[in-house]
Amino acid sequence: MNRFEQPRIPTEARIRYMDGDYQVKAPGNFVKCAITGKTIMLEELKYWSVSRQEAYVDADAALQAYESNDLKA
């Protein structure tokens, strides 16, 4: 077995969320949803908040975060 055949240990990435894209600040292969706590693989990451710098597993979680912030205002 060489180094390319070894299984990669899952690690949480540190991400800077930007408009329409994100920048990986610390390498990893997943992030956690701010609402549900579920793991989101970076290849599947589609929803995040630039202003809050947090990721969401799906559109429902993103809406829930938006509504909870809207109620606080």
PDB file of N, CA and C in Angstrom:
ATOM      1  N   MET A   1       0.843  -1.179   0.000  1.00  0.00           N
ATOM      2  CA  MET A   1       0.000   0.000   0.000  1.00  0.00           C
ATOM      3  C   MET A   1       0.890   1.244   0.000  1.00  0.00           C
ATOM      4  N   ASN A   2       0.617   2.146  -0.905  1.00  0.00           N
ATOM      5  CA  ASN A   2       1.389   3.392  -0.926  1.00  0.00           C
ATOM      6  C   ASN A   2       0.544   4.534  -0.349  1.00  0.00           C
ATOM      7  N   ARG A   3       1.102   5.726  -0.312  1.00  0.00           N
ATOM      8  CA  ARG A   3       0.413   6.844   0.335  1.00  0.00           C
ATOM      9  C   ARG A   3      -0.869   7.252  -0.362  1.00  0.00           C
ATOM     10  N   PHE A   4      -1.015   6.925  -1.636  1.00  0.00           N
ATOM     11  CA  PHE A   4      -2.226   7.282  -2.367  1.00  0.00           C
ATOM     12  C   PHE A   4      -3.369   6.309  -2.113  1.00  0.00           C
ATOM     13  N   GLU A   5      -3.078   5.137  -1.588  1.00  0.00           N
ATOM     14  CA  GLU A   5      -4.099   4.139  -1.317  1.00  0.00           C
ATOM     15  C   GLU A   5      -4.625   4.216   0.107  1.00  0.00           C
ATOM     16  N   GLN A   6      -3.982   4.968   0.962  1.00  0.00           N
ATOM     17  CA  GLN A   6      -4.413   5.070   2.340  1.00  0.00           C
ATOM     18  C   GLN A   6      -5.705   5.866   2.426  1.00  0.00           C
ATOM     19  N   PRO A   7      -6.630   5.415   3.281  1.00  0.00           N
ATOM     20  CA  PRO A   7      -7.868   6.182   3.424  1.00  0.00           C
ATOM     21  C   PRO A   7      -7.583   7.541   4.050  1.00  0.00           C
ATOM     22  N   ARG A   8      -8.256   8.526   3.564  1.00  0.00           N
ATOM     23  CA  ARG A   8      -8.071   9.879   4.080  1.00  0.00           C
ATOM     24  C   ARG A   8      -8.913  10.055   5.338  1.00  0.00           C
ATOM     25  N   ILE A   9      -8.311  10.557   6.378  1.00  0.00           N
ATOM     26  CA  ILE A   9      -9.020  10.778   7.632  1.00  0.00           C
ATOM     27  C   ILE A   9      -9.886  12.029   7.480  1.00  0.00           C
ATOM     28  N   PRO A  10     -11.193  11.918   7.735  1.00  0.00           N
ATOM     29  CA  PRO A  10     -12.066  13.084   7.614  1.00  0.00           C
ATOM     30  C   PRO A  10     -11.677  14.172   8.617  1.00  0.00           C
ATOM     31  N   THR A  11     -11.528  15.384   8.122  1.00  0.00           N
ATOM     32  CA  THR A  11     -11.214  16.521   8.983  1.00  0.00           C
ATOM     33  C   THR A  11     -12.098  17.696   8.598  1.00  0.00           C
ATOM     34  N   GLU A  12     -12.433  18.516   9.592  1.00  0.00           N
ATOM     35  CA  GLU A  12     -13.275  19.677   9.345  1.00  0.00           C
ATOM     36  C   GLU A  12     -12.446  20.826   8.790  1.00  0.00           C
ATOM     37  N   ALA A  13     -12.909  21.392   7.705  1.00  0.00           N
ATOM     38  CA  ALA A  13     -12.224  22.519   7.062  1.00  0.00           C
ATOM     39  C   ALA A  13     -12.633  23.823   7.726  1.00  0.00           C
ATOM     40  N   ARG A  14     -11.760  24.804   7.663  1.00  0.00           N
ATOM     41  CA  ARG A  14     -12.101  26.174   8.054  1.00  0.00           C
ATOM     42  C   ARG A  14     -12.291  26.953   6.763  1.00  0.00           C
ATOM     43  N   ILE A  15     -13.443  27.591   6.646  1.00  0.00           N
ATOM     44  CA  ILE A  15     -13.853  28.211   5.390  1.00  0.00           C
ATOM     45  C   ILE A  15     -14.143  29.696   5.591  1.00  0.00           C
ATOM     46  N   ARG A  16     -13.786  30.500   4.605  1.00  0.00           N
ATOM     47  CA  ARG A  16     -14.219  31.896   4.539  1.00  0.00           C
ATOM     48  C   ARG A  16     -15.260  31.961   3.429  1.00  0.00           C
ATOM     49  N   TYR A  17     -16.505  32.234   3.805  1.00  0.00           N
ATOM     50  CA  TYR A  17     -17.611  32.257   2.858  1.00  0.00           C
ATOM     51  C   TYR A  17     -17.688  33.620   2.190  1.00  0.00           C
ATOM     52  N   MET A  18     -17.758  33.611   0.867  1.00  0.00           N
ATOM     53  CA  MET A  18     -17.830  34.837   0.082  1.00  0.00           C
ATOM     54  C   MET A  18     -19.052  34.757  -0.829  1.00  0.00           C
ATOM     55  N   ASP A  19     -19.349  35.839  -1.517  1.00  0.00           N
ATOM     56  CA  ASP A  19     -20.483  35.852  -2.447  1.00  0.00           C
ATOM     57  C   ASP A  19     -20.222  34.890  -3.603  1.00  0.00           C
ATOM     58  N   GLY A  20     -21.012  33.824  -3.675  1.00  0.00           N
ATOM     59  CA  GLY A  20     -20.927  32.884  -4.775  1.00  0.00           C
ATOM     60  C   GLY A  20     -19.743  31.927  -4.746  1.00  0.00           C
ATOM     61  N   ASP A  21     -18.909  31.991  -3.736  1.00  0.00           N
ATOM     62  CA  ASP A  21     -17.737  31.121  -3.642  1.00  0.00           C
ATOM     63  C   ASP A  21     -17.270  31.077  -2.196  1.00  0.00           C
ATOM     64  N   TYR A  22     -16.306  30.229  -1.923  1.00  0.00           N
ATOM     65  CA  TYR A  22     -15.711  30.183  -0.597  1.00  0.00           C
ATOM     66  C   TYR A  22     -14.223  29.924  -0.728  1.00  0.00           C
ATOM     67  N   GLN A  23     -13.496  30.285   0.308  1.00  0.00           N
ATOM     68  CA  GLN A  23     -12.047  30.111   0.333  1.00  0.00           C
ATOM     69  C   GLN A  23     -11.707  29.188   1.498  1.00  0.00           C
ATOM     70  N   VAL A  24     -10.920  28.169   1.226  1.00  0.00           N
ATOM     71  CA  VAL A  24     -10.509  27.229   2.264  1.00  0.00           C
ATOM     72  C   VAL A  24      -9.325  27.831   3.017  1.00  0.00           C
ATOM     73  N   LYS A  25      -9.526  28.094   4.316  1.00  0.00           N
ATOM     74  CA  LYS A  25      -8.472  28.680   5.146  1.00  0.00           C
ATOM     75  C   LYS A  25      -7.636  27.603   5.826  1.00  0.00           C
ATOM     76  N   ALA A  26      -8.258  26.472   6.149  1.00  0.00           N
ATOM     77  CA  ALA A  26      -7.555  25.320   6.723  1.00  0.00           C
ATOM     78  C   ALA A  26      -8.107  24.081   6.035  1.00  0.00           C
ATOM     79  N   PRO A  27      -7.244  23.238   5.490  1.00  0.00           N
ATOM     80  CA  PRO A  27      -7.708  22.093   4.706  1.00  0.00           C
ATOM     81  C   PRO A  27      -8.565  21.127   5.504  1.00  0.00           C
ATOM     82  N   GLY A  28      -9.474  20.512   4.807  1.00  0.00           N
ATOM     83  CA  GLY A  28     -10.366  19.509   5.360  1.00  0.00           C
ATOM     84  C   GLY A  28     -11.298  19.064   4.268  1.00  0.00           C
ATOM     85  N   ASN A  29     -12.185  18.126   4.590  1.00  0.00           N
ATOM     86  CA  ASN A  29     -13.094  17.667   3.549  1.00  0.00           C
ATOM     87  C   ASN A  29     -14.562  17.852   3.910  1.00  0.00           C
ATOM     88  N   PHE A  30     -14.845  18.484   5.068  1.00  0.00           N
ATOM     89  CA  PHE A  30     -16.232  18.750   5.414  1.00  0.00           C
ATOM     90  C   PHE A  30     -16.336  19.974   6.316  1.00  0.00           C
ATOM     91  N   VAL A  31     -17.587  20.494   6.429  1.00  0.00           N
ATOM     92  CA  VAL A  31     -17.947  21.527   7.403  1.00  0.00           C
ATOM     93  C   VAL A  31     -19.229  21.062   8.075  1.00  0.00           C
ATOM     94  N   LYS A  32     -19.616  21.734   9.134  1.00  0.00           N
ATOM     95  CA  LYS A  32     -20.840  21.388   9.859  1.00  0.00           C
ATOM     96  C   LYS A  32     -21.918  22.423   9.590  1.00  0.00           C
ATOM     97  N   CYS A  33     -23.157  21.961   9.479  1.00  0.00           N
ATOM     98  CA  CYS A  33     -24.302  22.852   9.308  1.00  0.00           C
ATOM     99  C   CYS A  33     -24.529  23.607  10.615  1.00  0.00           C
ATOM    100  N   ALA A  34     -24.699  24.916  10.527  1.00  0.00           N
ATOM    101  CA  ALA A  34     -24.894  25.757  11.711  1.00  0.00           C
ATOM    102  C   ALA A  34     -26.247  25.504  12.380  1.00  0.00           C
ATOM    103  N   ILE A  35     -27.212  24.998  11.651  1.00  0.00           N
ATOM    104  CA  ILE A  35     -28.550  24.761  12.194  1.00  0.00           C
ATOM    105  C   ILE A  35     -28.715  23.336  12.696  1.00  0.00           C
ATOM    106  N   THR A  36     -28.359  22.356  11.865  1.00  0.00           N
ATOM    107  CA  THR A  36     -28.613  20.956  12.206  1.00  0.00           C
ATOM    108  C   THR A  36     -27.411  20.243  12.816  1.00  0.00           C
ATOM    109  N   GLY A  37     -26.218  20.765  12.583  1.00  0.00           N
ATOM    110  CA  GLY A  37     -25.015  20.091  13.057  1.00  0.00           C
ATOM    111  C   GLY A  37     -24.572  18.950  12.157  1.00  0.00           C
ATOM    112  N   LYS A  38     -25.291  18.729  11.054  1.00  0.00           N
ATOM    113  CA  LYS A  38     -24.939  17.645  10.130  1.00  0.00           C
ATOM    114  C   LYS A  38     -23.656  17.982   9.383  1.00  0.00           C
ATOM    115  N   THR A  39     -22.942  16.934   9.006  1.00  0.00           N
ATOM    116  CA  THR A  39     -21.718  17.073   8.230  1.00  0.00           C
ATOM    117  C   THR A  39     -22.058  17.351   6.766  1.00  0.00           C
ATOM    118  N   ILE A  40     -21.349  18.315   6.177  1.00  0.00           N
ATOM    119  CA  ILE A  40     -21.521  18.655   4.761  1.00  0.00           C
ATOM    120  C   ILE A  40     -20.166  18.486   4.084  1.00  0.00           C
ATOM    121  N   MET A  41     -20.066  17.551   3.153  1.00  0.00           N
ATOM    122  CA  MET A  41     -18.836  17.381   2.403  1.00  0.00           C
ATOM    123  C   MET A  41     -18.640  18.620   1.529  1.00  0.00           C
ATOM    124  N   LEU A  42     -17.402  19.076   1.374  1.00  0.00           N
ATOM    125  CA  LEU A  42     -17.152  20.303   0.612  1.00  0.00           C
ATOM    126  C   LEU A  42     -17.673  20.216  -0.819  1.00  0.00           C
ATOM    127  N   GLU A  43     -17.636  19.012  -1.400  1.00  0.00           N
ATOM    128  CA  GLU A  43     -18.143  18.847  -2.765  1.00  0.00           C
ATOM    129  C   GLU A  43     -19.648  19.089  -2.840  1.00  0.00           C
ATOM    130  N   GLU A  44     -20.338  18.976  -1.699  1.00  0.00           N
ATOM    131  CA  GLU A  44     -21.790  19.126  -1.657  1.00  0.00           C
ATOM    132  C   GLU A  44     -22.238  20.457  -1.061  1.00  0.00           C
ATOM    133  N   LEU A  45     -21.311  21.316  -0.679  1.00  0.00           N
ATOM    134  CA  LEU A  45     -21.632  22.592  -0.037  1.00  0.00           C
ATOM    135  C   LEU A  45     -22.242  23.561  -1.043  1.00  0.00           C
ATOM    136  N   LYS A  46     -23.503  23.966  -0.788  1.00  0.00           N
ATOM    137  CA  LYS A  46     -24.212  24.865  -1.702  1.00  0.00           C
ATOM    138  C   LYS A  46     -24.836  26.057  -1.003  1.00  0.00           C
ATOM    139  N   TYR A  47     -25.036  25.971   0.303  1.00  0.00           N
ATOM    140  CA  TYR A  47     -25.745  27.014   1.031  1.00  0.00           C
ATOM    141  C   TYR A  47     -24.896  27.543   2.181  1.00  0.00           C
ATOM    142  N   TRP A  48     -24.740  28.875   2.244  1.00  0.00           N
ATOM    143  CA  TRP A  48     -24.015  29.499   3.343  1.00  0.00           C
ATOM    144  C   TRP A  48     -24.427  30.948   3.470  1.00  0.00           C
ATOM    145  N   SER A  49     -24.044  31.548   4.601  1.00  0.00           N
ATOM    146  CA  SER A  49     -24.297  32.966   4.849  1.00  0.00           C
ATOM    147  C   SER A  49     -22.968  33.695   4.894  1.00  0.00           C
ATOM    148  N   VAL A  50     -22.832  34.708   4.055  1.00  0.00           N
ATOM    149  CA  VAL A  50     -21.614  35.524   4.034  1.00  0.00           C
ATOM    150  C   VAL A  50     -21.555  36.370   5.302  1.00  0.00           C
ATOM    151  N   SER A  51     -22.672  36.968   5.681  1.00  0.00           N
ATOM    152  CA  SER A  51     -22.673  37.865   6.840  1.00  0.00           C
ATOM    153  C   SER A  51     -22.429  37.125   8.149  1.00  0.00           C
ATOM    154  N   ARG A  52     -22.935  35.897   8.269  1.00  0.00           N
ATOM    155  CA  ARG A  52     -22.738  35.122   9.496  1.00  0.00           C
ATOM    156  C   ARG A  52     -21.571  34.150   9.423  1.00  0.00           C
ATOM    157  N   GLN A  53     -21.040  33.946   8.214  1.00  0.00           N
ATOM    158  CA  GLN A  53     -19.931  33.019   8.012  1.00  0.00           C
ATOM    159  C   GLN A  53     -20.257  31.628   8.561  1.00  0.00           C
ATOM    160  N   GLU A  54     -21.400  31.077   8.084  1.00  0.00           N
ATOM    161  CA  GLU A  54     -21.801  29.735   8.483  1.00  0.00           C
ATOM    162  C   GLU A  54     -22.422  28.994   7.308  1.00  0.00           C
ATOM    163  N   ALA A  55     -22.323  27.679   7.362  1.00  0.00           N
ATOM    164  CA  ALA A  55     -22.820  26.811   6.287  1.00  0.00           C
ATOM    165  C   ALA A  55     -24.140  26.172   6.687  1.00  0.00           C
ATOM    166  N   TYR A  56     -24.921  25.773   5.663  1.00  0.00           N
ATOM    167  CA  TYR A  56     -26.208  25.114   5.882  1.00  0.00           C
ATOM    168  C   TYR A  56     -26.287  23.874   5.000  1.00  0.00           C
ATOM    169  N   VAL A  57     -26.889  22.823   5.532  1.00  0.00           N
ATOM    170  CA  VAL A  57     -26.959  21.549   4.824  1.00  0.00           C
ATOM    171  C   VAL A  57     -27.905  21.606   3.620  1.00  0.00           C
ATOM    172  N   ASP A  58     -28.966  22.421   3.711  1.00  0.00           N
ATOM    173  CA  ASP A  58     -29.920  22.526   2.606  1.00  0.00           C
ATOM    174  C   ASP A  58     -30.653  23.861   2.674  1.00  0.00           C
ATOM    175  N   ALA A  59     -31.549  24.078   1.728  1.00  0.00           N
ATOM    176  CA  ALA A  59     -32.285  25.341   1.653  1.00  0.00           C
ATOM    177  C   ALA A  59     -33.191  25.535   2.863  1.00  0.00           C
ATOM    178  N   ASP A  60     -33.757  24.460   3.393  1.00  0.00           N
ATOM    179  CA  ASP A  60     -34.617  24.570   4.574  1.00  0.00           C
ATOM    180  C   ASP A  60     -33.839  25.086   5.779  1.00  0.00           C
ATOM    181  N   ALA A  61     -32.625  24.584   5.974  1.00  0.00           N
ATOM    182  CA  ALA A  61     -31.787  25.046   7.082  1.00  0.00           C
ATOM    183  C   ALA A  61     -31.393  26.511   6.888  1.00  0.00           C
ATOM    184  N   ALA A  62     -31.093  26.897   5.649  1.00  0.00           N
ATOM    185  CA  ALA A  62     -30.743  28.290   5.365  1.00  0.00           C
ATOM    186  C   ALA A  62     -31.931  29.205   5.646  1.00  0.00           C
ATOM    187  N   LEU A  63     -33.126  28.784   5.266  1.00  0.00           N
ATOM    188  CA  LEU A  63     -34.331  29.568   5.526  1.00  0.00           C
ATOM    189  C   LEU A  63     -34.582  29.671   7.025  1.00  0.00           C
ATOM    190  N   GLN A  64     -34.394  28.586   7.733  1.00  0.00           N
ATOM    191  CA  GLN A  64     -34.579  28.592   9.184  1.00  0.00           C
ATOM    192  C   GLN A  64     -33.613  29.587   9.842  1.00  0.00           C
ATOM    193  N   ALA A  65     -32.383  29.623   9.402  1.00  0.00           N
ATOM    194  CA  ALA A  65     -31.399  30.569   9.940  1.00  0.00           C
ATOM    195  C   ALA A  65     -31.806  31.997   9.609  1.00  0.00           C
ATOM    196  N   TYR A  66     -32.255  32.228   8.397  1.00  0.00           N
ATOM    197  CA  TYR A  66     -32.700  33.559   7.979  1.00  0.00           C
ATOM    198  C   TYR A  66     -33.893  34.017   8.819  1.00  0.00           C
ATOM    199  N   GLU A  67     -34.870  33.123   8.997  1.00  0.00           N
ATOM    200  CA  GLU A  67     -36.057  33.483   9.775  1.00  0.00           C
ATOM    201  C   GLU A  67     -35.718  33.740  11.238  1.00  0.00           C
ATOM    202  N   SER A  68     -34.818  32.955  11.810  1.00  0.00           N
ATOM    203  CA  SER A  68     -34.461  33.161  13.209  1.00  0.00           C
ATOM    204  C   SER A  68     -33.733  34.490  13.388  1.00  0.00           C
ATOM    205  N   ASN A  69     -32.935  34.880  12.419  1.00  0.00           N
ATOM    206  CA  ASN A  69     -32.249  36.173  12.473  1.00  0.00           C
ATOM    207  C   ASN A  69     -33.240  37.306  12.268  1.00  0.00           C
ATOM    208  N   ASP A  70     -34.224  37.095  11.402  1.00  0.00           N
ATOM    209  CA  ASP A  70     -35.231  38.110  11.117  1.00  0.00           C
ATOM    210  C   ASP A  70     -36.091  38.387  12.364  1.00  0.00           C
ATOM    211  N   LEU A  71     -36.342  37.365  13.159  1.00  0.00           N
ATOM    212  CA  LEU A  71     -37.144  37.527  14.374  1.00  0.00           C
ATOM    213  C   LEU A  71     -36.391  38.303  15.448  1.00  0.00           C
ATOM    214  N   LYS A  72     -35.051  38.224  15.432  1.00  0.00           N
ATOM    215  CA  LYS A  72     -34.236  38.921  16.425  1.00  0.00           C
ATOM    216  C   LYS A  72     -34.152  40.416  16.159  1.00  0.00           C
ATOM    217  N   ALA A  73     -34.376  40.824  14.911  1.00  0.00           N
ATOM    218  CA  ALA A  73     -34.220  42.241  14.532  1.00  0.00           C
ATOM    219  C   ALA A  73     -35.363  43.091  15.018  1.00  0.00           C
TER     220      ALA A  73
END
